[in-house]
Amino acid sequence: MQEKDKKSFERSGSTRKQIRFEDELLIKIEADRSKTGEAFSEWVKDACQQKLNN
């Protein structure tokens, strides 16, 4: 991965990314994560890890 300059207020070891979700998918995500109380970012990171492990 290419090195990049980070602003002083940004965390090291992580990168902020913008992503657009289709409305139907977002509704399904919100319904699923409301069962566990997970934060949205936590839910998405977990889903990504599951996809990478398959």
N, C-alpha and C. Protein backbone atom coordinates (compact mmCIF):
# COMPACT_ATOMS: atom_id res chain seq x y z
N MET A 1 0.84 -1.17 0.00
CA MET A 1 0.00 0.00 0.00
C MET A 1 0.89 1.24 0.00
N GLN A 2 0.47 2.23 -0.72
CA GLN A 2 1.27 3.44 -0.87
C GLN A 2 1.17 4.31 0.38
N GLU A 3 2.33 4.85 0.81
CA GLU A 3 2.35 5.77 1.95
C GLU A 3 1.60 7.03 1.57
N LYS A 4 0.97 7.66 2.56
CA LYS A 4 0.28 8.92 2.29
C LYS A 4 0.45 9.84 3.47
N ASP A 5 0.35 11.10 3.19
CA ASP A 5 0.46 12.10 4.25
C ASP A 5 -0.86 12.18 4.99
N LYS A 6 -0.78 12.13 6.31
CA LYS A 6 -1.98 12.26 7.14
C LYS A 6 -1.95 13.60 7.86
N LYS A 7 -3.11 14.12 8.09
CA LYS A 7 -3.23 15.35 8.86
C LYS A 7 -2.96 15.04 10.32
N SER A 8 -2.58 16.03 11.08
CA SER A 8 -2.19 15.82 12.48
C SER A 8 -3.32 15.24 13.33
N PHE A 9 -4.57 15.48 12.95
CA PHE A 9 -5.70 14.99 13.75
C PHE A 9 -6.14 13.58 13.36
N GLU A 10 -5.59 13.02 12.29
CA GLU A 10 -5.97 11.69 11.84
C GLU A 10 -5.25 10.61 12.64
N ARG A 11 -5.92 9.50 12.81
CA ARG A 11 -5.34 8.36 13.53
C ARG A 11 -4.29 7.68 12.67
N SER A 12 -3.24 7.23 13.32
CA SER A 12 -2.29 6.40 12.57
C SER A 12 -2.82 4.97 12.57
N GLY A 13 -2.52 4.24 11.53
CA GLY A 13 -2.96 2.85 11.46
C GLY A 13 -4.36 2.65 10.94
N SER A 14 -5.03 3.73 10.53
CA SER A 14 -6.35 3.59 9.93
C SER A 14 -6.56 4.71 8.92
N THR A 15 -7.49 4.48 8.01
CA THR A 15 -7.78 5.45 6.96
C THR A 15 -9.28 5.61 6.83
N ARG A 16 -9.72 6.83 6.73
CA ARG A 16 -11.15 7.12 6.53
C ARG A 16 -11.47 6.97 5.05
N LYS A 17 -12.56 6.26 4.76
CA LYS A 17 -13.03 6.08 3.39
C LYS A 17 -14.50 6.46 3.32
N GLN A 18 -14.87 7.11 2.25
CA GLN A 18 -16.29 7.40 2.02
C GLN A 18 -16.87 6.30 1.16
N ILE A 19 -18.09 5.91 1.48
CA ILE A 19 -18.73 4.83 0.72
C ILE A 19 -20.22 5.14 0.61
N ARG A 20 -20.79 4.80 -0.51
CA ARG A 20 -22.22 5.01 -0.73
C ARG A 20 -22.91 3.65 -0.68
N PHE A 21 -24.02 3.56 0.06
CA PHE A 21 -24.81 2.33 0.18
C PHE A 21 -26.15 2.52 -0.51
N GLU A 22 -26.60 1.50 -1.21
CA GLU A 22 -27.96 1.52 -1.74
C GLU A 22 -28.92 1.52 -0.56
N ASP A 23 -30.05 2.21 -0.73
CA ASP A 23 -31.02 2.35 0.36
C ASP A 23 -31.49 1.01 0.91
N GLU A 24 -31.79 0.06 0.01
CA GLU A 24 -32.26 -1.26 0.46
C GLU A 24 -31.22 -1.98 1.30
N LEU A 25 -29.95 -1.90 0.89
CA LEU A 25 -28.89 -2.55 1.64
C LEU A 25 -28.73 -1.90 3.01
N LEU A 26 -28.77 -0.59 3.05
CA LEU A 26 -28.62 0.13 4.31
C LEU A 26 -29.75 -0.21 5.29
N ILE A 27 -30.95 -0.35 4.79
CA ILE A 27 -32.09 -0.74 5.63
C ILE A 27 -31.85 -2.12 6.24
N LYS A 28 -31.34 -3.05 5.43
CA LYS A 28 -31.05 -4.40 5.92
C LYS A 28 -29.93 -4.39 6.96
N ILE A 29 -28.90 -3.58 6.70
CA ILE A 29 -27.79 -3.47 7.66
C ILE A 29 -28.29 -2.91 8.99
N GLU A 30 -29.05 -1.85 8.92
CA GLU A 30 -29.56 -1.22 10.15
C GLU A 30 -30.45 -2.18 10.93
N ALA A 31 -31.27 -2.95 10.25
CA ALA A 31 -32.14 -3.92 10.93
C ALA A 31 -31.30 -4.99 11.61
N ASP A 32 -30.27 -5.47 10.95
CA ASP A 32 -29.44 -6.53 11.52
C ASP A 32 -28.63 -6.01 12.71
N ARG A 33 -28.02 -4.85 12.57
CA ARG A 33 -27.17 -4.36 13.65
C ARG A 33 -27.98 -3.87 14.85
N SER A 34 -29.24 -3.53 14.64
CA SER A 34 -30.07 -3.11 15.78
C SER A 34 -30.31 -4.26 16.75
N LYS A 35 -30.19 -5.50 16.26
CA LYS A 35 -30.36 -6.68 17.11
C LYS A 35 -29.19 -6.83 18.10
N THR A 36 -28.01 -6.38 17.70
CA THR A 36 -26.81 -6.57 18.52
C THR A 36 -26.35 -5.29 19.20
N GLY A 37 -26.81 -4.13 18.72
CA GLY A 37 -26.37 -2.86 19.29
C GLY A 37 -24.99 -2.44 18.81
N GLU A 38 -24.47 -3.13 17.78
CA GLU A 38 -23.16 -2.78 17.25
C GLU A 38 -23.20 -1.40 16.60
N ALA A 39 -22.08 -0.68 16.67
CA ALA A 39 -21.94 0.56 15.93
C ALA A 39 -21.91 0.22 14.44
N PHE A 40 -22.31 1.15 13.61
CA PHE A 40 -22.34 0.91 12.17
C PHE A 40 -20.97 0.52 11.64
N SER A 41 -19.94 1.27 12.02
CA SER A 41 -18.59 0.97 11.51
C SER A 41 -18.12 -0.40 11.98
N GLU A 42 -18.47 -0.77 13.20
CA GLU A 42 -18.10 -2.09 13.71
C GLU A 42 -18.78 -3.18 12.89
N TRP A 43 -20.05 -2.99 12.56
CA TRP A 43 -20.79 -3.96 11.77
C TRP A 43 -20.16 -4.12 10.40
N VAL A 44 -19.83 -3.01 9.75
CA VAL A 44 -19.25 -3.05 8.41
C VAL A 44 -17.88 -3.71 8.44
N LYS A 45 -17.04 -3.38 9.42
CA LYS A 45 -15.72 -3.99 9.52
C LYS A 45 -15.84 -5.50 9.72
N ASP A 46 -16.78 -5.93 10.55
CA ASP A 46 -17.00 -7.36 10.78
C ASP A 46 -17.44 -8.05 9.49
N ALA A 47 -18.35 -7.42 8.76
CA ALA A 47 -18.81 -7.99 7.49
C ALA A 47 -17.67 -8.12 6.50
N CYS A 48 -16.80 -7.12 6.45
CA CYS A 48 -15.64 -7.17 5.55
C CYS A 48 -14.69 -8.30 5.96
N GLN A 49 -14.44 -8.46 7.25
CA GLN A 49 -13.58 -9.54 7.70
C GLN A 49 -14.16 -10.91 7.35
N GLN A 50 -15.48 -11.06 7.52
CA GLN A 50 -16.12 -12.32 7.16
C GLN A 50 -15.96 -12.61 5.67
N LYS A 51 -16.11 -11.59 4.84
CA LYS A 51 -15.97 -11.76 3.39
C LYS A 51 -14.53 -12.17 3.05
N LEU A 52 -13.56 -11.56 3.69
CA LEU A 52 -12.15 -11.87 3.43
C LEU A 52 -11.77 -13.27 3.89
N ASN A 53 -12.44 -13.77 4.92
CA ASN A 53 -12.13 -15.09 5.47
C ASN A 53 -12.80 -16.23 4.70
N ASN A 54 -13.71 -15.91 3.80
CA ASN A 54 -14.40 -16.95 3.01
C ASN A 54 -13.68 -17.26 1.75
